[in-house]
Amino acid sequence: MLELNTVKITQDVQNPRIARLLLNRPERLNAINDDTPRDIRQAVEWAEANDDVHVIVVEGAGKGFCGGYDLVHYGQGQMDHPCQQESHPWDPMVDYAYMKRNTDDFMSLWRARKPTIAKVHGAAVAGGSDIALCCDLLVMAEDARIGYMPTRVWGCPTTAMWTYRLGPTRAKQLMFTGDVITGKTAGEWGLANAVVPEADLDRETMKLAERIAGVPVSHLSMHKLVVNQIMLTMGLEQSQMFATIFDGITRHNPEGLWFRRYAQAEGFKAAVNWRDSGRNIPEGDEARARIRELEEALQKRDQEG
């Protein structure tokens, strides 16, 4: 077993050919912090180095799979960070270097020579959907939710997996709206390999994992390499480069900075409620004017506090 700050991984007691990688911040809905991407990579490397392991199941502790990046930390917090730069003008390549590393860490699930299965209950949203879609296969509870709400403001999915997993039409629909879909819809759209009631989720996931675990690792790695190479030939790495650069822009342009300032002033829940409600999101000069108002309010609060 390997236990890290945000994840732990162990061989299944009943079948040691299956490794179970647990996202383990249940008190924060397994939200992603600075440690999570690195911890996922280390856990995958642990499974890769274990000759007994043939397949990796990725799951979340507590109420859901992963609620995305921790907005209390990143959105509401007042700090200078490579992905939340306060200097003007911001440096896009500093942001890109940091987020590219996160993307590469999530993609360790995709690059691993051993198959990976995301077992999704509750929410796999925003950055959490990146983790799920970097896995080779997806098993979902019927009422689970998956999507990338920050495409409305303050985000672009850096792994660029939506198009490769759903095709351009469905991917555009989700990215233009920021809508989430249920496990039931994910199954109908061909995103999920299996969809079952949550009570049956673990049994169905392990049934699939056990079926895969009986195959020699060398065969599994060859088959995975063939499919992955097709995705690479289609331009996956180039798509991820653009998506990761654009993600930085969404967090530092007027609309993204408004969202951050609103979260800092009113709390991340209020900012998320605005984003997801369908209300018009301030843009351009309107966003700049609102930013000035919010910064004045924050400055006044700091002086009084």
Protein backbone atom coordinates (compact mmCIF):
# COMPACT_ATOMS: atom_id res chain seq x y z
CA MET A 1 0.00 0.00 0.00
CA LEU A 2 1.08 3.56 -0.70
CA GLU A 3 -0.59 6.40 1.22
CA LEU A 4 0.01 10.01 0.20
CA ASN A 5 -1.48 13.35 1.23
CA THR A 6 -4.50 13.16 -1.06
CA VAL A 7 -4.65 9.60 -2.41
CA LYS A 8 -3.86 6.08 -1.38
CA ILE A 9 -3.46 2.92 -3.43
CA THR A 10 -3.53 -0.72 -2.41
CA GLN A 11 -4.02 -4.10 -3.96
CA ASP A 12 -7.55 -5.45 -3.69
CA VAL A 13 -7.82 -7.98 -0.88
CA GLN A 14 -9.84 -10.44 -2.96
CA ASN A 15 -7.83 -10.04 -6.16
CA PRO A 16 -4.29 -8.64 -5.85
CA ARG A 17 -4.13 -8.25 -9.64
CA ILE A 18 -6.40 -5.21 -9.15
CA ALA A 19 -5.01 -2.01 -7.60
CA ARG A 20 -7.49 0.42 -6.06
CA LEU A 21 -6.46 4.08 -6.24
CA LEU A 22 -8.56 6.14 -3.84
CA LEU A 23 -8.92 9.92 -4.09
CA ASN A 24 -8.91 10.59 -0.39
CA ARG A 25 -10.06 14.07 0.64
CA PRO A 26 -13.68 13.23 1.46
CA GLU A 27 -14.08 16.28 3.69
CA ARG A 28 -13.55 18.44 0.56
CA LEU A 29 -15.36 16.14 -1.91
CA ASN A 30 -11.88 15.00 -3.00
CA ALA A 31 -11.23 18.45 -4.45
CA ILE A 32 -7.90 18.88 -6.21
CA ASN A 33 -5.17 20.81 -4.41
CA ASP A 34 -1.49 21.31 -5.25
CA ASP A 35 -0.63 17.78 -4.06
CA THR A 36 -3.32 15.82 -5.91
CA PRO A 37 -1.84 15.61 -9.43
CA ARG A 38 1.58 14.58 -8.11
CA ASP A 39 0.02 12.04 -5.74
CA ILE A 40 -1.95 10.46 -8.59
CA ARG A 41 1.22 10.10 -10.65
CA GLN A 42 3.08 8.51 -7.72
CA ALA A 43 0.22 6.08 -7.12
CA VAL A 44 0.19 5.07 -10.79
CA GLU A 45 3.96 4.58 -10.71
CA TRP A 46 3.53 2.36 -7.64
CA ALA A 47 1.02 0.20 -9.51
CA GLU A 48 3.19 0.14 -12.64
CA ALA A 49 6.16 -1.12 -10.61
CA ASN A 50 4.10 -3.88 -8.96
CA ASP A 51 4.33 -6.94 -11.21
CA ASP A 52 1.23 -8.48 -9.62
CA VAL A 53 -1.03 -5.59 -10.66
CA HIS A 54 -2.80 -5.89 -14.02
CA VAL A 55 -5.46 -3.18 -13.79
CA ILE A 56 -6.06 0.00 -11.74
CA VAL A 57 -9.46 1.11 -10.44
CA VAL A 58 -9.72 4.83 -9.59
CA GLU A 59 -12.43 5.83 -7.11
CA GLY A 60 -13.36 8.58 -4.69
CA ALA A 61 -13.82 8.44 -0.92
CA GLY A 62 -17.00 9.76 0.62
CA LYS A 63 -19.90 11.33 -1.27
CA GLY A 64 -18.38 11.56 -4.76
CA PHE A 65 -15.53 10.93 -7.14
CA CYS A 66 -14.01 14.42 -7.35
CA GLY A 67 -15.57 17.88 -7.22
CA GLY A 68 -12.82 19.56 -9.26
CA TYR A 69 -10.20 22.06 -8.16
CA ASP A 70 -10.61 23.33 -4.61
CA LEU A 71 -12.23 26.73 -5.14
CA VAL A 72 -11.93 27.65 -1.46
CA HIS A 73 -8.18 27.45 -2.00
CA TYR A 74 -7.83 28.63 -5.61
CA GLY A 75 -10.87 30.81 -6.26
CA GLN A 76 -11.75 32.36 -2.92
CA GLY A 77 -8.21 32.50 -1.54
CA GLN A 78 -6.27 35.73 -1.90
CA MET A 79 -2.82 34.58 -2.95
CA ASP A 80 -0.35 34.81 -5.77
CA HIS A 81 -0.03 31.47 -7.55
CA PRO A 82 1.21 30.42 -11.00
CA CYS A 83 -2.42 29.81 -11.99
CA GLN A 84 -3.79 32.87 -10.19
CA GLN A 85 -1.23 35.58 -10.83
CA GLU A 86 -1.76 39.01 -9.29
CA SER A 87 1.05 40.69 -11.25
CA HIS A 88 0.16 42.68 -14.37
CA PRO A 89 0.67 41.71 -17.09
CA TRP A 90 0.46 38.07 -16.11
CA ASP A 91 2.96 35.59 -17.55
CA PRO A 92 1.10 32.94 -19.59
CA MET A 93 4.10 30.61 -19.77
CA VAL A 94 4.41 30.43 -15.98
CA ASP A 95 0.76 29.40 -15.86
CA TYR A 96 1.24 26.95 -18.74
CA ALA A 97 4.25 25.26 -17.14
CA TYR A 98 2.33 24.64 -13.92
CA MET A 99 -0.89 23.44 -15.52
CA LYS A 100 0.94 21.35 -18.12
CA ARG A 101 2.55 19.48 -15.27
CA ASN A 102 -0.88 18.87 -13.72
CA THR A 103 -2.20 17.65 -17.07
CA ASP A 104 0.78 15.32 -17.48
CA ASP A 105 0.22 13.97 -13.97
CA PHE A 106 -3.46 13.23 -14.67
CA MET A 107 -2.44 11.68 -17.99
CA SER A 108 -0.26 9.18 -16.15
CA LEU A 109 -3.52 7.23 -15.88
CA TRP A 110 -3.79 7.26 -19.68
CA ARG A 111 -0.12 6.57 -20.36
CA ALA A 112 0.18 3.71 -17.86
CA ARG A 113 0.76 0.40 -19.60
CA LYS A 114 -1.90 -1.12 -17.35
CA PRO A 115 -5.60 -0.38 -17.98
CA THR A 116 -7.31 2.14 -15.72
CA ILE A 117 -11.01 2.21 -14.81
CA ALA A 118 -12.75 5.24 -13.29
CA LYS A 119 -15.51 4.20 -10.88
CA VAL A 120 -17.74 7.28 -10.58
CA HIS A 121 -20.35 7.99 -7.97
CA GLY A 122 -21.61 11.40 -6.95
CA ALA A 123 -19.81 14.08 -8.93
CA ALA A 124 -16.88 13.90 -11.34
CA VAL A 125 -16.93 17.52 -12.39
CA ALA A 126 -14.54 20.23 -13.59
CA GLY A 127 -11.00 18.99 -12.89
CA GLY A 128 -12.53 15.81 -11.50
CA SER A 129 -13.88 15.00 -14.95
CA ASP A 130 -10.32 15.38 -16.29
CA ILE A 131 -9.19 12.65 -13.89
CA ALA A 132 -12.09 10.37 -14.84
CA LEU A 133 -11.62 10.85 -18.58
CA CYS A 134 -7.89 10.18 -18.39
CA CYS A 135 -8.83 6.65 -17.36
CA ASP A 136 -9.28 4.12 -20.14
CA LEU A 137 -12.74 3.00 -19.09
CA LEU A 138 -15.60 4.60 -17.18
CA VAL A 139 -18.20 2.90 -14.98
CA MET A 140 -20.82 5.23 -13.51
CA ALA A 141 -23.71 5.20 -11.12
CA GLU A 142 -26.98 6.12 -12.85
CA ASP A 143 -27.35 9.31 -10.81
CA ALA A 144 -23.67 10.29 -10.89
CA ARG A 145 -22.80 13.56 -12.63
CA ILE A 146 -19.99 14.43 -14.99
CA GLY A 147 -19.20 17.69 -16.77
CA TYR A 148 -17.01 20.78 -16.84
CA MET A 149 -18.99 23.76 -15.51
CA PRO A 150 -16.00 26.18 -15.60
CA THR A 151 -16.22 26.28 -19.40
CA ARG A 152 -18.79 29.04 -18.69
CA VAL A 153 -16.04 31.12 -17.06
CA TRP A 154 -12.62 30.46 -15.48
CA GLY A 155 -11.65 27.22 -17.17
CA CYS A 156 -10.92 25.14 -20.26
CA PRO A 157 -10.48 21.34 -19.84
CA THR A 158 -6.72 20.94 -20.13
CA THR A 159 -6.75 17.23 -20.96
CA ALA A 160 -8.97 17.92 -24.02
CA MET A 161 -10.51 14.48 -23.58
CA TRP A 162 -14.14 15.43 -24.22
CA THR A 163 -13.74 15.48 -28.01
CA TYR A 164 -11.83 12.21 -28.10
CA ARG A 165 -14.32 10.46 -25.84
CA LEU A 166 -17.58 11.92 -27.19
CA GLY A 167 -16.90 13.32 -30.64
CA PRO A 168 -17.05 16.98 -31.69
CA THR A 169 -20.81 17.58 -31.56
CA ARG A 170 -21.40 16.35 -28.01
CA ALA A 171 -18.13 17.90 -26.84
CA LYS A 172 -19.14 21.30 -28.18
CA GLN A 173 -22.54 21.04 -26.51
CA LEU A 174 -21.00 20.43 -23.08
CA MET A 175 -18.23 22.99 -23.50
CA PHE A 176 -20.53 25.74 -24.81
CA THR A 177 -23.03 25.26 -21.96
CA GLY A 178 -20.99 24.01 -19.02
CA ASP A 179 -23.80 21.53 -18.40
CA VAL A 180 -23.28 18.28 -16.54
CA ILE A 181 -24.84 14.98 -17.56
CA THR A 182 -25.93 12.03 -15.45
CA GLY A 183 -24.48 8.58 -15.60
CA LYS A 184 -27.60 7.48 -17.45
CA THR A 185 -27.01 10.06 -20.19
CA ALA A 186 -23.29 9.26 -20.25
CA GLY A 187 -24.21 5.68 -21.03
CA GLU A 188 -26.64 6.68 -23.76
CA TRP A 189 -23.99 8.94 -25.33
CA GLY A 190 -21.35 6.21 -25.26
CA LEU A 191 -19.14 8.00 -22.72
CA ALA A 192 -19.55 5.40 -19.99
CA ASN A 193 -18.80 1.71 -20.54
CA ALA A 194 -21.38 0.67 -17.96
CA VAL A 195 -24.05 2.46 -15.93
CA VAL A 196 -25.72 0.86 -12.92
CA PRO A 197 -27.55 1.84 -9.72
CA GLU A 198 -25.06 3.14 -7.16
CA ALA A 199 -25.68 0.11 -4.96
CA ASP A 200 -24.29 -2.08 -7.76
CA LEU A 201 -21.43 0.22 -8.78
CA ASP A 202 -18.61 -1.48 -6.90
CA ARG A 203 -19.72 -4.97 -7.97
CA GLU A 204 -20.02 -3.95 -11.64
CA THR A 205 -16.66 -2.16 -11.63
CA MET A 206 -14.87 -5.07 -9.99
CA LYS A 207 -16.53 -7.53 -12.38
CA LEU A 208 -15.00 -5.60 -15.30
CA ALA A 209 -11.65 -5.23 -13.52
CA GLU A 210 -11.50 -8.95 -12.77
CA ARG A 211 -12.27 -9.80 -16.38
CA ILE A 212 -9.38 -7.59 -17.51
CA ALA A 213 -7.06 -8.80 -14.73
CA GLY A 214 -7.02 -12.32 -16.17
CA VAL A 215 -5.23 -11.10 -19.32
CA PRO A 216 -1.40 -11.01 -19.36
CA VAL A 217 0.01 -7.54 -18.71
CA SER A 218 2.00 -7.61 -21.95
CA HIS A 219 -1.16 -8.16 -23.99
CA LEU A 220 -3.01 -5.40 -22.14
CA SER A 221 -0.17 -2.94 -22.65
CA MET A 222 0.07 -3.70 -26.38
CA HIS A 223 -3.67 -3.23 -26.93
CA LYS A 224 -3.67 -0.01 -24.93
CA LEU A 225 -0.65 1.31 -26.83
CA VAL A 226 -2.37 0.70 -30.18
CA VAL A 227 -5.50 2.66 -29.20
CA ASN A 228 -3.52 5.42 -27.51
CA GLN A 229 -1.31 5.80 -30.57
CA ILE A 230 -4.41 6.38 -32.72
CA MET A 231 -5.48 9.19 -30.36
CA LEU A 232 -1.99 10.69 -30.51
CA THR A 233 -2.03 10.55 -34.30
CA MET A 234 -5.37 12.39 -34.22
CA GLY A 235 -3.60 15.24 -32.40
CA LEU A 236 -4.25 14.68 -28.69
CA GLU A 237 -0.98 16.27 -27.52
CA GLN A 238 -1.49 19.34 -29.70
CA SER A 239 -5.06 19.69 -28.44
CA GLN A 240 -3.82 19.55 -24.86
CA MET A 241 -1.24 22.24 -25.53
CA PHE A 242 -3.88 24.65 -26.83
CA ALA A 243 -6.37 23.72 -24.10
CA THR A 244 -3.82 24.27 -21.33
CA ILE A 245 -2.77 27.66 -22.71
CA PHE A 246 -6.41 28.69 -23.14
CA ASP A 247 -7.17 27.53 -19.58
CA GLY A 248 -4.64 30.06 -18.31
CA ILE A 249 -6.22 32.79 -20.41
CA THR A 250 -9.68 32.03 -19.00
CA ARG A 251 -8.35 32.64 -15.49
CA HIS A 252 -6.55 35.91 -16.27
CA ASN A 253 -8.72 37.68 -18.85
CA PRO A 254 -11.31 40.25 -17.63
CA GLU A 255 -14.05 37.62 -17.27
CA GLY A 256 -11.81 35.24 -15.34
CA LEU A 257 -10.46 37.95 -13.06
CA TRP A 258 -14.02 39.11 -12.36
CA PHE A 259 -14.94 35.56 -11.30
CA ARG A 260 -11.93 35.38 -8.96
CA ARG A 261 -12.64 38.78 -7.41
CA TYR A 262 -16.32 37.91 -6.98
CA ALA A 263 -15.36 34.67 -5.25
CA GLN A 264 -12.96 36.55 -2.99
CA ALA A 265 -15.57 39.17 -2.11
CA GLU A 266 -18.71 37.03 -1.87
CA GLY A 267 -17.38 33.50 -1.40
CA PHE A 268 -16.85 30.70 -3.91
CA LYS A 269 -20.40 29.36 -3.48
CA ALA A 270 -21.87 32.68 -4.61
CA ALA A 271 -19.48 32.79 -7.58
CA VAL A 272 -20.35 29.23 -8.58
CA ASN A 273 -24.06 29.95 -8.21
CA TRP A 274 -23.75 32.90 -10.59
CA ARG A 275 -21.69 30.89 -13.06
CA ASP A 276 -24.08 27.94 -13.16
CA SER A 277 -27.36 29.85 -12.95
CA GLY A 278 -27.41 30.93 -16.59
CA ARG A 279 -27.10 34.61 -15.70
CA ASN A 280 -25.07 36.69 -18.12
CA ILE A 281 -21.42 36.63 -17.11
CA PRO A 282 -19.82 40.10 -17.16
CA GLU A 283 -17.39 40.50 -20.03
CA GLY A 284 -15.05 43.09 -21.47
CA ASP A 285 -15.46 46.60 -20.07
CA GLU A 286 -18.37 45.56 -17.86
CA ALA A 287 -16.14 42.93 -16.24
CA ARG A 288 -13.34 45.48 -15.79
CA ALA A 289 -15.72 47.93 -14.09
CA ARG A 290 -17.01 45.23 -11.76
CA ILE A 291 -13.44 44.17 -10.96
CA ARG A 292 -12.63 47.72 -9.84
CA GLU A 293 -15.71 47.80 -7.61
CA LEU A 294 -14.89 44.43 -6.08
CA GLU A 295 -11.25 45.37 -5.48
CA GLU A 296 -12.34 48.55 -3.72
CA ALA A 297 -14.71 46.52 -1.55
CA LEU A 298 -11.97 44.01 -0.73
CA GLN A 299 -9.52 46.79 0.12
CA LYS A 300 -12.07 48.43 2.40
CA ARG A 301 -12.79 45.11 4.10
CA ASP A 302 -9.10 44.51 4.69
CA GLN A 303 -8.68 47.99 6.20
CA GLU A 304 -11.63 47.48 8.53
CA GLY A 305 -10.67 43.93 9.44
